[in-house]
Amino acid sequence: MTERVDVSPIPSPCTSVCTIDPATGWCAGCLRTIDEIAAWGSLDDRAKRAVWKLLPQRRAERDRRAVADAAASDAAP
């Protein structure tokens, strides 16, 4: 008899902060694109994991942009 292994579903990265940043096309809360958000319910687990894998890089890029924007604001007359 084989043992059954329960695998939890891949959770949505949604944080309920749903605003698309026009500069990046990413949601301000979850950092997914509108296409990724719209497709989420029909994506298989492999595709969902692929989206999750992109998020740390996007978060780092968002944070770099925020620092650069703040520095530019501080330097403005």
N, C-alpha and C. Protein backbone atom coordinates (compact mmCIF):
# COMPACT_ATOMS: atom_id res chain seq x y z
N MET A 1 0.83 -1.17 0.00
CA MET A 1 0.00 0.00 0.00
C MET A 1 0.89 1.25 0.00
N THR A 2 0.57 2.20 -0.85
CA THR A 2 1.37 3.43 -0.91
C THR A 2 0.81 4.45 0.06
N GLU A 3 1.70 5.22 0.59
CA GLU A 3 1.29 6.26 1.52
C GLU A 3 0.89 7.50 0.73
N ARG A 4 -0.21 8.09 1.10
CA ARG A 4 -0.69 9.29 0.43
C ARG A 4 -0.03 10.51 1.07
N VAL A 5 0.50 11.35 0.25
CA VAL A 5 1.13 12.58 0.73
C VAL A 5 0.23 13.74 0.31
N ASP A 6 -0.28 14.46 1.30
CA ASP A 6 -1.11 15.62 1.00
C ASP A 6 -0.21 16.81 0.71
N VAL A 7 -0.48 17.47 -0.38
CA VAL A 7 0.29 18.64 -0.76
C VAL A 7 -0.65 19.83 -0.68
N SER A 8 -0.24 20.83 0.05
CA SER A 8 -1.06 22.03 0.18
C SER A 8 -1.12 22.76 -1.14
N PRO A 9 -2.25 23.37 -1.43
CA PRO A 9 -2.32 24.17 -2.66
C PRO A 9 -1.38 25.37 -2.58
N ILE A 10 -0.97 25.84 -3.73
CA ILE A 10 -0.09 27.01 -3.78
C ILE A 10 -0.95 28.24 -3.47
N PRO A 11 -0.63 28.97 -2.41
CA PRO A 11 -1.45 30.13 -2.04
C PRO A 11 -1.24 31.31 -2.99
N SER A 12 -2.22 32.13 -3.05
CA SER A 12 -2.10 33.37 -3.82
C SER A 12 -1.20 34.33 -3.05
N PRO A 13 -0.37 35.09 -3.74
CA PRO A 13 0.45 36.09 -3.06
C PRO A 13 -0.32 37.39 -2.76
N CYS A 14 -1.60 37.42 -3.07
CA CYS A 14 -2.40 38.63 -2.88
C CYS A 14 -2.34 39.12 -1.44
N THR A 15 -2.16 40.43 -1.28
CA THR A 15 -2.13 41.05 0.04
C THR A 15 -3.30 42.02 0.21
N SER A 16 -4.22 42.02 -0.74
CA SER A 16 -5.40 42.90 -0.73
C SER A 16 -5.03 44.37 -0.83
N VAL A 17 -3.89 44.65 -1.43
CA VAL A 17 -3.48 46.02 -1.77
C VAL A 17 -3.40 46.02 -3.29
N CYS A 18 -4.53 46.26 -3.92
CA CYS A 18 -4.65 46.01 -5.36
C CYS A 18 -4.61 47.31 -6.16
N THR A 19 -3.39 47.73 -6.48
CA THR A 19 -3.17 48.91 -7.30
C THR A 19 -2.02 48.59 -8.25
N ILE A 20 -2.26 48.76 -9.54
CA ILE A 20 -1.22 48.49 -10.52
C ILE A 20 -0.34 49.72 -10.69
N ASP A 21 0.96 49.54 -10.54
CA ASP A 21 1.92 50.62 -10.75
C ASP A 21 2.13 50.77 -12.25
N PRO A 22 1.79 51.93 -12.81
CA PRO A 22 1.93 52.10 -14.25
C PRO A 22 3.38 52.02 -14.75
N ALA A 23 4.35 52.32 -13.89
CA ALA A 23 5.75 52.28 -14.31
C ALA A 23 6.24 50.85 -14.51
N THR A 24 5.75 49.92 -13.69
CA THR A 24 6.22 48.54 -13.76
C THR A 24 5.18 47.56 -14.31
N GLY A 25 3.91 47.90 -14.14
CA GLY A 25 2.84 46.97 -14.50
C GLY A 25 2.59 45.93 -13.41
N TRP A 26 3.18 46.13 -12.24
CA TRP A 26 3.04 45.19 -11.12
C TRP A 26 2.05 45.75 -10.11
N CYS A 27 1.33 44.84 -9.46
CA CYS A 27 0.46 45.22 -8.36
C CYS A 27 1.33 45.71 -7.20
N ALA A 28 0.92 46.79 -6.56
CA ALA A 28 1.68 47.34 -5.45
C ALA A 28 1.72 46.38 -4.26
N GLY A 29 0.72 45.53 -4.12
CA GLY A 29 0.67 44.61 -3.00
C GLY A 29 1.40 43.31 -3.24
N CYS A 30 1.05 42.62 -4.32
CA CYS A 30 1.58 41.26 -4.54
C CYS A 30 2.67 41.19 -5.60
N LEU A 31 2.86 42.27 -6.33
CA LEU A 31 3.90 42.37 -7.35
C LEU A 31 3.67 41.50 -8.58
N ARG A 32 2.44 41.03 -8.76
CA ARG A 32 2.12 40.28 -9.98
C ARG A 32 1.62 41.26 -11.04
N THR A 33 1.71 40.84 -12.29
CA THR A 33 1.13 41.63 -13.38
C THR A 33 -0.36 41.38 -13.42
N ILE A 34 -1.08 42.24 -14.12
CA ILE A 34 -2.52 42.05 -14.24
C ILE A 34 -2.84 40.72 -14.92
N ASP A 35 -2.03 40.31 -15.88
CA ASP A 35 -2.23 39.01 -16.54
C ASP A 35 -2.03 37.85 -15.57
N GLU A 36 -1.01 37.96 -14.72
CA GLU A 36 -0.78 36.90 -13.72
C GLU A 36 -1.91 36.84 -12.72
N ILE A 37 -2.41 38.00 -12.30
CA ILE A 37 -3.52 38.04 -11.36
C ILE A 37 -4.76 37.41 -11.99
N ALA A 38 -5.06 37.80 -13.21
CA ALA A 38 -6.26 37.30 -13.89
C ALA A 38 -6.20 35.80 -14.13
N ALA A 39 -5.01 35.28 -14.41
CA ALA A 39 -4.86 33.86 -14.74
C ALA A 39 -4.71 32.98 -13.50
N TRP A 40 -4.45 33.55 -12.34
CA TRP A 40 -4.08 32.78 -11.17
C TRP A 40 -4.98 31.58 -10.91
N GLY A 41 -6.27 31.76 -10.96
CA GLY A 41 -7.22 30.69 -10.65
C GLY A 41 -7.14 29.51 -11.61
N SER A 42 -6.65 29.73 -12.80
CA SER A 42 -6.57 28.64 -13.78
C SER A 42 -5.15 28.10 -13.98
N LEU A 43 -4.17 28.69 -13.30
CA LEU A 43 -2.79 28.22 -13.42
C LEU A 43 -2.61 26.90 -12.66
N ASP A 44 -1.78 26.03 -13.20
CA ASP A 44 -1.44 24.81 -12.47
C ASP A 44 -0.37 25.17 -11.43
N ASP A 45 -0.08 24.23 -10.53
CA ASP A 45 0.87 24.50 -9.45
C ASP A 45 2.25 24.89 -9.97
N ARG A 46 2.68 24.29 -11.05
CA ARG A 46 4.00 24.62 -11.62
C ARG A 46 4.05 26.09 -12.04
N ALA A 47 3.00 26.55 -12.71
CA ALA A 47 2.95 27.94 -13.16
C ALA A 47 2.85 28.90 -11.98
N LYS A 48 2.09 28.51 -10.95
CA LYS A 48 1.99 29.36 -9.75
C LYS A 48 3.35 29.48 -9.07
N ARG A 49 4.07 28.36 -9.00
CA ARG A 49 5.41 28.42 -8.40
C ARG A 49 6.33 29.32 -9.22
N ALA A 50 6.18 29.29 -10.53
CA ALA A 50 7.00 30.14 -11.40
C ALA A 50 6.73 31.61 -11.12
N VAL A 51 5.47 31.96 -10.90
CA VAL A 51 5.13 33.36 -10.55
C VAL A 51 5.75 33.70 -9.20
N TRP A 52 5.57 32.84 -8.20
CA TRP A 52 6.15 33.09 -6.88
C TRP A 52 7.67 33.29 -6.97
N LYS A 53 8.31 32.57 -7.86
CA LYS A 53 9.77 32.66 -8.00
C LYS A 53 10.20 34.04 -8.50
N LEU A 54 9.34 34.72 -9.25
CA LEU A 54 9.66 36.05 -9.78
C LEU A 54 9.55 37.16 -8.73
N LEU A 55 8.76 36.92 -7.70
CA LEU A 55 8.41 38.00 -6.77
C LEU A 55 9.59 38.58 -5.98
N PRO A 56 10.53 37.79 -5.48
CA PRO A 56 11.66 38.42 -4.77
C PRO A 56 12.47 39.39 -5.64
N GLN A 57 12.66 39.03 -6.89
CA GLN A 57 13.39 39.92 -7.79
C GLN A 57 12.58 41.20 -8.03
N ARG A 58 11.29 41.05 -8.20
CA ARG A 58 10.44 42.24 -8.39
C ARG A 58 10.43 43.11 -7.14
N ARG A 59 10.39 42.49 -5.98
CA ARG A 59 10.40 43.25 -4.72
C ARG A 59 11.70 44.05 -4.61
N ALA A 60 12.82 43.42 -4.95
CA ALA A 60 14.11 44.11 -4.91
C ALA A 60 14.12 45.28 -5.89
N GLU A 61 13.59 45.07 -7.08
CA GLU A 61 13.53 46.14 -8.08
C GLU A 61 12.64 47.28 -7.60
N ARG A 62 11.49 46.94 -7.02
CA ARG A 62 10.60 47.97 -6.48
C ARG A 62 11.30 48.78 -5.40
N ASP A 63 12.02 48.08 -4.52
CA ASP A 63 12.72 48.77 -3.43
C ASP A 63 13.84 49.66 -3.97
N ARG A 64 14.57 49.19 -4.99
CA ARG A 64 15.62 50.02 -5.62
C ARG A 64 15.01 51.29 -6.21
N ARG A 65 13.86 51.12 -6.88
CA ARG A 65 13.20 52.28 -7.48
C ARG A 65 12.75 53.28 -6.41
N ALA A 66 12.24 52.77 -5.29
CA ALA A 66 11.79 53.64 -4.21
C ALA A 66 12.95 54.45 -3.65
N VAL A 67 14.10 53.81 -3.47
CA VAL A 67 15.28 54.51 -2.96
C VAL A 67 15.74 55.57 -3.96
N ALA A 68 15.76 55.21 -5.24
CA ALA A 68 16.18 56.16 -6.27
C ALA A 68 15.21 57.34 -6.35
N ASP A 69 13.91 57.06 -6.24
CA ASP A 69 12.91 58.13 -6.29
C ASP A 69 13.05 59.05 -5.08
N ALA A 70 13.32 58.47 -3.91
CA ALA A 70 13.50 59.28 -2.71
C ALA A 70 14.74 60.15 -2.83
N ALA A 71 15.81 59.61 -3.36
CA ALA A 71 17.04 60.37 -3.53
C ALA A 71 16.83 61.51 -4.51
N ALA A 72 16.09 61.24 -5.58
CA ALA A 72 15.82 62.28 -6.57
C ALA A 72 14.96 63.39 -5.96
N SER A 73 14.01 63.01 -5.13
CA SER A 73 13.15 64.00 -4.46
C SER A 73 13.96 64.88 -3.51
N ASP A 74 14.89 64.25 -2.80
CA ASP A 74 15.74 64.99 -1.86
C ASP A 74 16.67 65.96 -2.59
N ALA A 75 17.08 65.58 -3.80
CA ALA A 75 18.02 66.41 -4.56
C ALA A 75 17.31 67.53 -5.32
N ALA A 76 16.00 67.44 -5.46
CA ALA A 76 15.26 68.46 -6.21
C ALA A 76 15.25 69.77 -5.42
N PRO A 77 15.34 70.90 -6.16
CA PRO A 77 15.35 72.22 -5.49
C PRO A 77 14.02 72.54 -4.83
